[in-house]
Amino acid sequence: MSSRYTRSDVVRWKEADESRIQLKLAQLHDSSFHGRRDFVLSGLHLLHEGLGFTYVALEEPEIARNHFLASCQYVEQLFSLRERGEPISPGRLTAGYCKSWLVALAIGENATASSLASKFKREDLPAGKRRSEIEQIALLLKSLIGCSEDFHDEELGPPSSARSNDFKYYLECLDGIAERDEERFLHALERAADNWLIQIVRTHRGLPQSVCFIHGLGLLRLAEQVIGKPIEVSNVLIPSSFFPSSRNQAA
């Protein structure tokens, strides 16, 4: 733990993020606030996600789960702004929010994951460009969650061969899941976890995201759903015992 964060870091995160949430909530519910609601909702998403990690570090699973769920729900509200015709900053709705789908899957909120994936539309992909790796991940993840009916490969730009260090091996994990190949999936998941650790120490040391590889747990829970059985992992970076699935508990 000491290489990624300290106990004093955790205390600092909790105090700072909880006070910031109150400020954002006041803005959200203030009828005289003239700022952008999409900016406020995005901020609440990030603050609750940070507190989710904080309470994992504090070993409070229910509180952590509640914050992670709130984080996902604010993403859902953010995408709902479009349905209500409210203004949204250019580039605000991006494929990168598919990370929240994985968070929802990680904490067993499958209906929330499906709802979030369903709100990601064709217009959220840049027109006439090659699909980035995160866009490819979002499309495949959307399909595996079961919300791919509004996308067709022939209508989308071709995939790019460029790779993102932040999402390295996610596509390999999803390919293993799609093929129901448990061994291939587990091999890719271990590589994704190793890469996560390299990246997190380099870019997020001392920040809440350094607590655990929550996206890896989301990938694991998705694999269990698709393959149809519990899958054991022993990687300490993936909090599978902290957020056990009903499938694992019943096994």
C-alpha atoms as a PDB file:
ATOM      1  CA  MET A   1       0.000   0.000   0.000  1.00  0.00           C
ATOM      2  CA  SER A   2       2.738   2.449   0.918  1.00  0.00           C
ATOM      3  CA  SER A   3       3.968   2.611  -2.664  1.00  0.00           C
ATOM      4  CA  ARG A   4       0.565   3.875  -3.849  1.00  0.00           C
ATOM      5  CA  TYR A   5      -0.994   5.781  -0.932  1.00  0.00           C
ATOM      6  CA  THR A   6      -0.738   6.279   2.835  1.00  0.00           C
ATOM      7  CA  ARG A   7      -3.213   6.434   5.696  1.00  0.00           C
ATOM      8  CA  SER A   8      -2.821  10.202   5.819  1.00  0.00           C
ATOM      9  CA  ASP A   9      -3.725  10.316   2.114  1.00  0.00           C
ATOM     10  CA  VAL A  10      -6.977   8.503   2.898  1.00  0.00           C
ATOM     11  CA  VAL A  11      -7.903  10.967   5.653  1.00  0.00           C
ATOM     12  CA  ARG A  12      -7.128  13.868   3.341  1.00  0.00           C
ATOM     13  CA  TRP A  13      -9.275  12.420   0.526  1.00  0.00           C
ATOM     14  CA  LYS A  14     -12.241  11.877   2.840  1.00  0.00           C
ATOM     15  CA  GLU A  15     -12.216  15.352   4.328  1.00  0.00           C
ATOM     16  CA  ALA A  16     -11.658  17.158   1.027  1.00  0.00           C
ATOM     17  CA  ASP A  17     -14.113  15.209  -1.109  1.00  0.00           C
ATOM     18  CA  GLU A  18     -16.948  15.229   1.420  1.00  0.00           C
ATOM     19  CA  SER A  19     -16.744  19.023   1.734  1.00  0.00           C
ATOM     20  CA  ARG A  20     -16.592  19.443  -2.047  1.00  0.00           C
ATOM     21  CA  ILE A  21     -19.666  17.262  -2.510  1.00  0.00           C
ATOM     22  CA  GLN A  22     -21.683  19.601  -0.305  1.00  0.00           C
ATOM     23  CA  LEU A  23     -20.619  22.558  -2.446  1.00  0.00           C
ATOM     24  CA  LYS A  24     -21.548  20.765  -5.681  1.00  0.00           C
ATOM     25  CA  LEU A  25     -24.911  19.664  -4.281  1.00  0.00           C
ATOM     26  CA  ALA A  26     -25.672  23.233  -3.261  1.00  0.00           C
ATOM     27  CA  GLN A  27     -24.940  24.342  -6.819  1.00  0.00           C
ATOM     28  CA  LEU A  28     -27.048  21.550  -8.300  1.00  0.00           C
ATOM     29  CA  HIS A  29     -30.116  22.479  -6.259  1.00  0.00           C
ATOM     30  CA  ASP A  30     -29.708  26.275  -6.374  1.00  0.00           C
ATOM     31  CA  SER A  31     -32.209  27.719  -8.849  1.00  0.00           C
ATOM     32  CA  SER A  32     -30.140  30.902  -9.061  1.00  0.00           C
ATOM     33  CA  PHE A  33     -26.947  29.054 -10.038  1.00  0.00           C
ATOM     34  CA  HIS A  34     -25.969  30.100 -13.563  1.00  0.00           C
ATOM     35  CA  GLY A  35     -23.189  27.578 -14.145  1.00  0.00           C
ATOM     36  CA  ARG A  36     -23.390  24.508 -16.355  1.00  0.00           C
ATOM     37  CA  ARG A  37     -25.252  21.558 -14.875  1.00  0.00           C
ATOM     38  CA  ASP A  38     -23.128  19.147 -16.889  1.00  0.00           C
ATOM     39  CA  PHE A  39     -20.017  20.493 -15.152  1.00  0.00           C
ATOM     40  CA  VAL A  40     -21.632  20.062 -11.712  1.00  0.00           C
ATOM     41  CA  LEU A  41     -22.841  16.516 -12.480  1.00  0.00           C
ATOM     42  CA  SER A  42     -19.418  15.532 -13.798  1.00  0.00           C
ATOM     43  CA  GLY A  43     -17.852  16.885 -10.613  1.00  0.00           C
ATOM     44  CA  LEU A  44     -20.255  14.938  -8.394  1.00  0.00           C
ATOM     45  CA  HIS A  45     -19.497  11.785 -10.377  1.00  0.00           C
ATOM     46  CA  LEU A  46     -15.764  12.172  -9.774  1.00  0.00           C
ATOM     47  CA  LEU A  47     -16.117  13.103  -6.097  1.00  0.00           C
ATOM     48  CA  HIS A  48     -18.361  10.139  -5.286  1.00  0.00           C
ATOM     49  CA  GLU A  49     -16.068   7.817  -7.212  1.00  0.00           C
ATOM     50  CA  GLY A  50     -13.132   9.130  -5.190  1.00  0.00           C
ATOM     51  CA  LEU A  51     -15.027   8.487  -1.957  1.00  0.00           C
ATOM     52  CA  GLY A  52     -15.820   4.980  -3.168  1.00  0.00           C
ATOM     53  CA  PHE A  53     -12.101   4.284  -3.338  1.00  0.00           C
ATOM     54  CA  THR A  54     -11.591   6.044  -0.003  1.00  0.00           C
ATOM     55  CA  TYR A  55     -14.055   3.780   1.767  1.00  0.00           C
ATOM     56  CA  VAL A  56     -12.500   0.706   0.168  1.00  0.00           C
ATOM     57  CA  ALA A  57      -9.261   1.840   1.824  1.00  0.00           C
ATOM     58  CA  LEU A  58     -11.194   2.355   5.089  1.00  0.00           C
ATOM     59  CA  GLU A  59     -12.646  -1.174   4.719  1.00  0.00           C
ATOM     60  CA  GLU A  60     -16.266   0.010   4.702  1.00  0.00           C
ATOM     61  CA  PRO A  61     -17.812  -1.967   1.814  1.00  0.00           C
ATOM     62  CA  GLU A  62     -21.403  -0.711   2.073  1.00  0.00           C
ATOM     63  CA  ILE A  63     -20.404   2.946   2.224  1.00  0.00           C
ATOM     64  CA  ALA A  64     -17.957   2.385  -0.637  1.00  0.00           C
ATOM     65  CA  ARG A  65     -20.688   0.684  -2.677  1.00  0.00           C
ATOM     66  CA  ASN A  66     -23.100   3.561  -2.055  1.00  0.00           C
ATOM     67  CA  HIS A  67     -20.559   6.134  -3.251  1.00  0.00           C
ATOM     68  CA  PHE A  68     -19.659   4.112  -6.348  1.00  0.00           C
ATOM     69  CA  LEU A  69     -23.359   3.739  -7.150  1.00  0.00           C
ATOM     70  CA  ALA A  70     -23.948   7.477  -6.679  1.00  0.00           C
ATOM     71  CA  SER A  71     -21.014   8.150  -8.996  1.00  0.00           C
ATOM     72  CA  CYS A  72     -22.621   6.005 -11.699  1.00  0.00           C
ATOM     73  CA  GLN A  73     -26.009   7.624 -11.180  1.00  0.00           C
ATOM     74  CA  TYR A  74     -24.546  11.080 -11.731  1.00  0.00           C
ATOM     75  CA  VAL A  75     -23.094   9.865 -15.025  1.00  0.00           C
ATOM     76  CA  GLU A  76     -26.591   8.636 -15.906  1.00  0.00           C
ATOM     77  CA  GLN A  77     -28.000  12.085 -15.076  1.00  0.00           C
ATOM     78  CA  LEU A  78     -25.270  13.701 -17.163  1.00  0.00           C
ATOM     79  CA  PHE A  79     -26.261  11.743 -20.259  1.00  0.00           C
ATOM     80  CA  SER A  80     -29.938  12.411 -19.501  1.00  0.00           C
ATOM     81  CA  LEU A  81     -29.346  16.150 -19.952  1.00  0.00           C
ATOM     82  CA  ARG A  82     -29.306  15.515 -23.694  1.00  0.00           C
ATOM     83  CA  GLU A  83     -32.727  13.870 -23.536  1.00  0.00           C
ATOM     84  CA  ARG A  84     -34.103  16.966 -21.797  1.00  0.00           C
ATOM     85  CA  GLY A  85     -32.470  19.311 -24.293  1.00  0.00           C
ATOM     86  CA  GLU A  86     -30.190  20.983 -21.742  1.00  0.00           C
ATOM     87  CA  PRO A  87     -26.858  22.444 -22.925  1.00  0.00           C
ATOM     88  CA  ILE A  88     -23.806  20.197 -22.713  1.00  0.00           C
ATOM     89  CA  SER A  89     -20.201  21.276 -23.167  1.00  0.00           C
ATOM     90  CA  PRO A  90     -18.587  20.056 -26.420  1.00  0.00           C
ATOM     91  CA  GLY A  91     -16.886  16.704 -25.874  1.00  0.00           C
ATOM     92  CA  ARG A  92     -18.520  16.166 -22.462  1.00  0.00           C
ATOM     93  CA  LEU A  93     -20.262  12.918 -23.433  1.00  0.00           C
ATOM     94  CA  THR A  94     -17.446  10.587 -24.376  1.00  0.00           C
ATOM     95  CA  ALA A  95     -16.710   6.888 -24.631  1.00  0.00           C
ATOM     96  CA  GLY A  96     -14.482   7.227 -21.573  1.00  0.00           C
ATOM     97  CA  TYR A  97     -17.557   7.069 -19.371  1.00  0.00           C
ATOM     98  CA  CYS A  98     -17.719   3.338 -20.128  1.00  0.00           C
ATOM     99  CA  LYS A  99     -15.413   3.055 -17.123  1.00  0.00           C
ATOM    100  CA  SER A 100     -18.518   3.748 -15.016  1.00  0.00           C
ATOM    101  CA  TRP A 101     -20.226   0.748 -16.604  1.00  0.00           C
ATOM    102  CA  LEU A 102     -17.386  -1.379 -15.251  1.00  0.00           C
ATOM    103  CA  VAL A 103     -17.710   0.222 -11.811  1.00  0.00           C
ATOM    104  CA  ALA A 104     -21.432  -0.592 -11.790  1.00  0.00           C
ATOM    105  CA  LEU A 105     -20.692  -4.198 -12.753  1.00  0.00           C
ATOM    106  CA  ALA A 106     -17.997  -4.385 -10.056  1.00  0.00           C
ATOM    107  CA  ILE A 107     -20.469  -3.554  -7.275  1.00  0.00           C
ATOM    108  CA  GLY A 108     -23.209  -5.815  -8.628  1.00  0.00           C
ATOM    109  CA  GLU A 109     -25.372  -3.035 -10.091  1.00  0.00           C
ATOM    110  CA  ASN A 110     -26.006  -4.760 -13.395  1.00  0.00           C
ATOM    111  CA  ALA A 111     -29.186  -2.821 -14.154  1.00  0.00           C
ATOM    112  CA  THR A 112     -27.299   0.449 -13.680  1.00  0.00           C
ATOM    113  CA  ALA A 113     -24.531  -0.774 -15.992  1.00  0.00           C
ATOM    114  CA  SER A 114     -27.113  -1.645 -18.634  1.00  0.00           C
ATOM    115  CA  SER A 115     -28.876   1.699 -18.256  1.00  0.00           C
ATOM    116  CA  LEU A 116     -25.590   3.587 -18.578  1.00  0.00           C
ATOM    117  CA  ALA A 117     -24.554   1.602 -21.648  1.00  0.00           C
ATOM    118  CA  SER A 118     -27.923   2.214 -23.294  1.00  0.00           C
ATOM    119  CA  LYS A 119     -27.432   5.982 -23.011  1.00  0.00           C
ATOM    120  CA  PHE A 120     -24.200   5.861 -25.034  1.00  0.00           C
ATOM    121  CA  LYS A 121     -25.329   6.662 -28.576  1.00  0.00           C
ATOM    122  CA  ARG A 122     -23.854   6.751 -32.056  1.00  0.00           C
ATOM    123  CA  GLU A 123     -23.531  10.541 -31.828  1.00  0.00           C
ATOM    124  CA  ASP A 124     -21.111  10.146 -28.926  1.00  0.00           C
ATOM    125  CA  LEU A 125     -18.553   8.780 -31.389  1.00  0.00           C
ATOM    126  CA  PRO A 126     -16.643  11.318 -33.518  1.00  0.00           C
ATOM    127  CA  ALA A 127     -17.939  11.246 -37.089  1.00  0.00           C
ATOM    128  CA  GLY A 128     -15.690  10.203 -39.948  1.00  0.00           C
ATOM    129  CA  LYS A 129     -12.719   9.263 -37.776  1.00  0.00           C
ATOM    130  CA  ARG A 130     -10.981   6.048 -36.887  1.00  0.00           C
ATOM    131  CA  ARG A 131     -12.281   4.564 -33.669  1.00  0.00           C
ATOM    132  CA  SER A 132      -9.895   5.090 -30.755  1.00  0.00           C
ATOM    133  CA  GLU A 133      -9.141   2.182 -28.442  1.00  0.00           C
ATOM    134  CA  ILE A 134     -11.492   3.492 -25.744  1.00  0.00           C
ATOM    135  CA  GLU A 135     -14.263   3.792 -28.340  1.00  0.00           C
ATOM    136  CA  GLN A 136     -13.629   0.206 -29.425  1.00  0.00           C
ATOM    137  CA  ILE A 137     -13.772  -0.848 -25.764  1.00  0.00           C
ATOM    138  CA  ALA A 138     -17.052   1.038 -25.261  1.00  0.00           C
ATOM    139  CA  LEU A 139     -18.647  -0.589 -28.315  1.00  0.00           C
ATOM    140  CA  LEU A 140     -17.611  -4.129 -27.361  1.00  0.00           C
ATOM    141  CA  LEU A 141     -18.542  -3.606 -23.720  1.00  0.00           C
ATOM    142  CA  LYS A 142     -21.927  -2.221 -24.766  1.00  0.00           C
ATOM    143  CA  SER A 143     -22.478  -5.321 -26.874  1.00  0.00           C
ATOM    144  CA  LEU A 144     -21.516  -7.701 -24.059  1.00  0.00           C
ATOM    145  CA  ILE A 145     -23.783  -5.899 -21.605  1.00  0.00           C
ATOM    146  CA  GLY A 146     -26.531  -6.363 -24.180  1.00  0.00           C
ATOM    147  CA  CYS A 147     -27.149  -2.838 -25.458  1.00  0.00           C
ATOM    148  CA  SER A 148     -25.697  -2.900 -28.967  1.00  0.00           C
ATOM    149  CA  GLU A 149     -28.861  -2.722 -31.054  1.00  0.00           C
ATOM    150  CA  ASP A 150     -28.249   0.849 -32.246  1.00  0.00           C
ATOM    151  CA  PHE A 151     -24.718   0.265 -33.551  1.00  0.00           C
ATOM    152  CA  HIS A 152     -23.673  -1.406 -36.778  1.00  0.00           C
ATOM    153  CA  ASP A 153     -20.036  -1.829 -37.772  1.00  0.00           C
ATOM    154  CA  GLU A 154     -20.585  -0.733 -41.340  1.00  0.00           C
ATOM    155  CA  GLU A 155     -21.910   2.626 -40.102  1.00  0.00           C
ATOM    156  CA  LEU A 156     -18.930   3.323 -37.846  1.00  0.00           C
ATOM    157  CA  GLY A 157     -15.418   4.442 -38.604  1.00  0.00           C
ATOM    158  CA  PRO A 158     -12.691   1.781 -38.821  1.00  0.00           C
ATOM    159  CA  PRO A 159     -10.789   0.871 -35.648  1.00  0.00           C
ATOM    160  CA  SER A 160      -7.404   2.438 -34.998  1.00  0.00           C
ATOM    161  CA  SER A 161      -4.313   0.391 -34.202  1.00  0.00           C
ATOM    162  CA  ALA A 162      -3.141   3.060 -31.706  1.00  0.00           C
ATOM    163  CA  ARG A 163      -3.140   1.851 -28.090  1.00  0.00           C
ATOM    164  CA  SER A 164      -3.867   3.711 -24.865  1.00  0.00           C
ATOM    165  CA  ASN A 165      -1.640   2.943 -21.897  1.00  0.00           C
ATOM    166  CA  ASP A 166      -4.547   3.615 -19.519  1.00  0.00           C
ATOM    167  CA  PHE A 167      -6.694   0.866 -21.068  1.00  0.00           C
ATOM    168  CA  LYS A 168      -4.038  -1.589 -22.105  1.00  0.00           C
ATOM    169  CA  TYR A 169      -5.311  -5.198 -22.308  1.00  0.00           C
ATOM    170  CA  TYR A 170      -8.967  -4.209 -21.743  1.00  0.00           C
ATOM    171  CA  LEU A 171      -9.790  -5.196 -25.318  1.00  0.00           C
ATOM    172  CA  GLU A 172      -8.025  -8.520 -24.818  1.00  0.00           C
ATOM    173  CA  CYS A 173     -10.117  -9.097 -21.670  1.00  0.00           C
ATOM    174  CA  LEU A 174     -13.323  -8.336 -23.554  1.00  0.00           C
ATOM    175  CA  ASP A 175     -12.306 -10.549 -26.475  1.00  0.00           C
ATOM    176  CA  GLY A 176     -11.744 -13.419 -24.031  1.00  0.00           C
ATOM    177  CA  ILE A 177     -15.164 -12.808 -22.506  1.00  0.00           C
ATOM    178  CA  ALA A 178     -16.848 -12.606 -25.923  1.00  0.00           C
ATOM    179  CA  GLU A 179     -15.291 -15.957 -26.879  1.00  0.00           C
ATOM    180  CA  ARG A 180     -16.157 -17.455 -23.467  1.00  0.00           C
ATOM    181  CA  ASP A 181     -12.499 -18.383 -23.103  1.00  0.00           C
ATOM    182  CA  GLU A 182     -11.818 -18.262 -19.364  1.00  0.00           C
ATOM    183  CA  GLU A 183      -8.103 -18.976 -19.641  1.00  0.00           C
ATOM    184  CA  ARG A 184      -7.578 -16.265 -22.245  1.00  0.00           C
ATOM    185  CA  PHE A 185      -9.607 -13.821 -20.177  1.00  0.00           C
ATOM    186  CA  LEU A 186      -7.675 -14.497 -16.965  1.00  0.00           C
ATOM    187  CA  HIS A 187      -4.346 -14.118 -18.752  1.00  0.00           C
ATOM    188  CA  ALA A 188      -5.444 -10.756 -20.169  1.00  0.00           C
ATOM    189  CA  LEU A 189      -6.851  -9.657 -16.787  1.00  0.00           C
ATOM    190  CA  GLU A 190      -3.527 -10.305 -15.068  1.00  0.00           C
ATOM    191  CA  ARG A 191      -1.733  -8.270 -17.732  1.00  0.00           C
ATOM    192  CA  ALA A 192      -4.312  -5.480 -17.378  1.00  0.00           C
ATOM    193  CA  ALA A 193      -3.792  -5.437 -13.602  1.00  0.00           C
ATOM    194  CA  ASP A 194      -0.014  -5.328 -14.002  1.00  0.00           C
ATOM    195  CA  ASN A 195      -0.332  -2.434 -16.434  1.00  0.00           C
ATOM    196  CA  TRP A 196      -2.803  -0.648 -14.138  1.00  0.00           C
ATOM    197  CA  LEU A 197      -0.250  -0.789 -11.320  1.00  0.00           C
ATOM    198  CA  ILE A 198       2.496   0.635 -13.542  1.00  0.00           C
ATOM    199  CA  GLN A 199       0.263   3.474 -14.734  1.00  0.00           C
ATOM    200  CA  ILE A 200      -1.282   4.288 -11.366  1.00  0.00           C
ATOM    201  CA  VAL A 201       2.075   4.589  -9.593  1.00  0.00           C
ATOM    202  CA  ARG A 202       3.269   6.812 -12.410  1.00  0.00           C
ATOM    203  CA  THR A 203       0.240   9.121 -12.616  1.00  0.00           C
ATOM    204  CA  HIS A 204      -2.022   8.712  -9.554  1.00  0.00           C
ATOM    205  CA  ARG A 205       0.247   7.904  -6.627  1.00  0.00           C
ATOM    206  CA  GLY A 206      -1.348   9.355  -3.496  1.00  0.00           C
ATOM    207  CA  LEU A 207      -4.766   9.741  -5.184  1.00  0.00           C
ATOM    208  CA  PRO A 208      -7.940   7.699  -4.524  1.00  0.00           C
ATOM    209  CA  GLN A 209      -7.734   5.782  -7.820  1.00  0.00           C
ATOM    210  CA  SER A 210      -4.570   4.109  -6.507  1.00  0.00           C
ATOM    211  CA  VAL A 211      -6.513   2.048  -3.957  1.00  0.00           C
ATOM    212  CA  CYS A 212      -7.621  -0.811  -6.214  1.00  0.00           C
ATOM    213  CA  PHE A 213      -8.224  -1.902  -9.800  1.00  0.00           C
ATOM    214  CA  ILE A 214     -12.015  -1.541  -9.696  1.00  0.00           C
ATOM    215  CA  HIS A 215     -12.328  -1.819 -13.487  1.00  0.00           C
ATOM    216  CA  GLY A 216     -10.630  -5.201 -13.289  1.00  0.00           C
ATOM    217  CA  LEU A 217     -13.349  -6.343 -10.891  1.00  0.00           C
ATOM    218  CA  GLY A 218     -15.973  -5.077 -13.327  1.00  0.00           C
ATOM    219  CA  LEU A 219     -14.372  -7.102 -16.105  1.00  0.00           C
ATOM    220  CA  LEU A 220     -14.324 -10.155 -13.822  1.00  0.00           C
ATOM    221  CA  ARG A 221     -18.020  -9.843 -12.954  1.00  0.00           C
ATOM    222  CA  LEU A 222     -18.894  -9.436 -16.632  1.00  0.00           C
ATOM    223  CA  ALA A 223     -16.867 -12.542 -17.470  1.00  0.00           C
ATOM    224  CA  GLU A 224     -18.755 -14.516 -14.816  1.00  0.00           C
ATOM    225  CA  GLN A 225     -22.077 -13.420 -16.303  1.00  0.00           C
ATOM    226  CA  VAL A 226     -21.146 -14.309 -19.858  1.00  0.00           C
ATOM    227  CA  ILE A 227     -19.260 -17.536 -19.109  1.00  0.00           C
ATOM    228  CA  GLY A 228     -21.897 -18.542 -16.576  1.00  0.00           C
ATOM    229  CA  LYS A 229     -19.895 -19.543 -13.516  1.00  0.00           C
ATOM    230  CA  PRO A 230     -17.787 -18.079 -10.691  1.00  0.00           C
ATOM    231  CA  ILE A 231     -14.209 -17.266 -11.655  1.00  0.00           C
ATOM    232  CA  GLU A 232     -11.564 -17.129  -8.954  1.00  0.00           C
ATOM    233  CA  VAL A 233      -8.793 -14.545  -8.973  1.00  0.00           C
ATOM    234  CA  SER A 234      -6.165 -13.995  -6.292  1.00  0.00           C
ATOM    235  CA  ASN A 235      -4.769 -10.669  -7.471  1.00  0.00           C
ATOM    236  CA  VAL A 236      -4.643  -8.295  -4.471  1.00  0.00           C
ATOM    237  CA  LEU A 237      -5.319  -5.325  -6.763  1.00  0.00           C
ATOM    238  CA  ILE A 238      -8.790  -6.659  -7.658  1.00  0.00           C
ATOM    239  CA  PRO A 239     -11.178  -6.418  -4.637  1.00  0.00           C
ATOM    240  CA  SER A 240     -13.240  -9.517  -5.436  1.00  0.00           C
ATOM    241  CA  SER A 241     -13.788 -10.458  -1.772  1.00  0.00           C
ATOM    242  CA  PHE A 242     -14.588  -6.859  -0.797  1.00  0.00           C
ATOM    243  CA  PHE A 243     -17.452  -6.759  -3.322  1.00  0.00           C
ATOM    244  CA  PRO A 244     -18.458 -10.428  -3.658  1.00  0.00           C
ATOM    245  CA  SER A 245     -21.041 -11.275  -6.289  1.00  0.00           C
ATOM    246  CA  SER A 246     -24.216 -13.209  -5.510  1.00  0.00           C
ATOM    247  CA  ARG A 247     -22.949 -15.851  -7.937  1.00  0.00           C
ATOM    248  CA  ASN A 248     -19.768 -16.304  -5.890  1.00  0.00           C
ATOM    249  CA  GLN A 249     -21.659 -16.342  -2.593  1.00  0.00           C
ATOM    250  CA  ALA A 250     -24.008 -19.042  -3.875  1.00  0.00           C
ATOM    251  CA  ALA A 251     -21.191 -21.234  -5.225  1.00  0.00           C
END
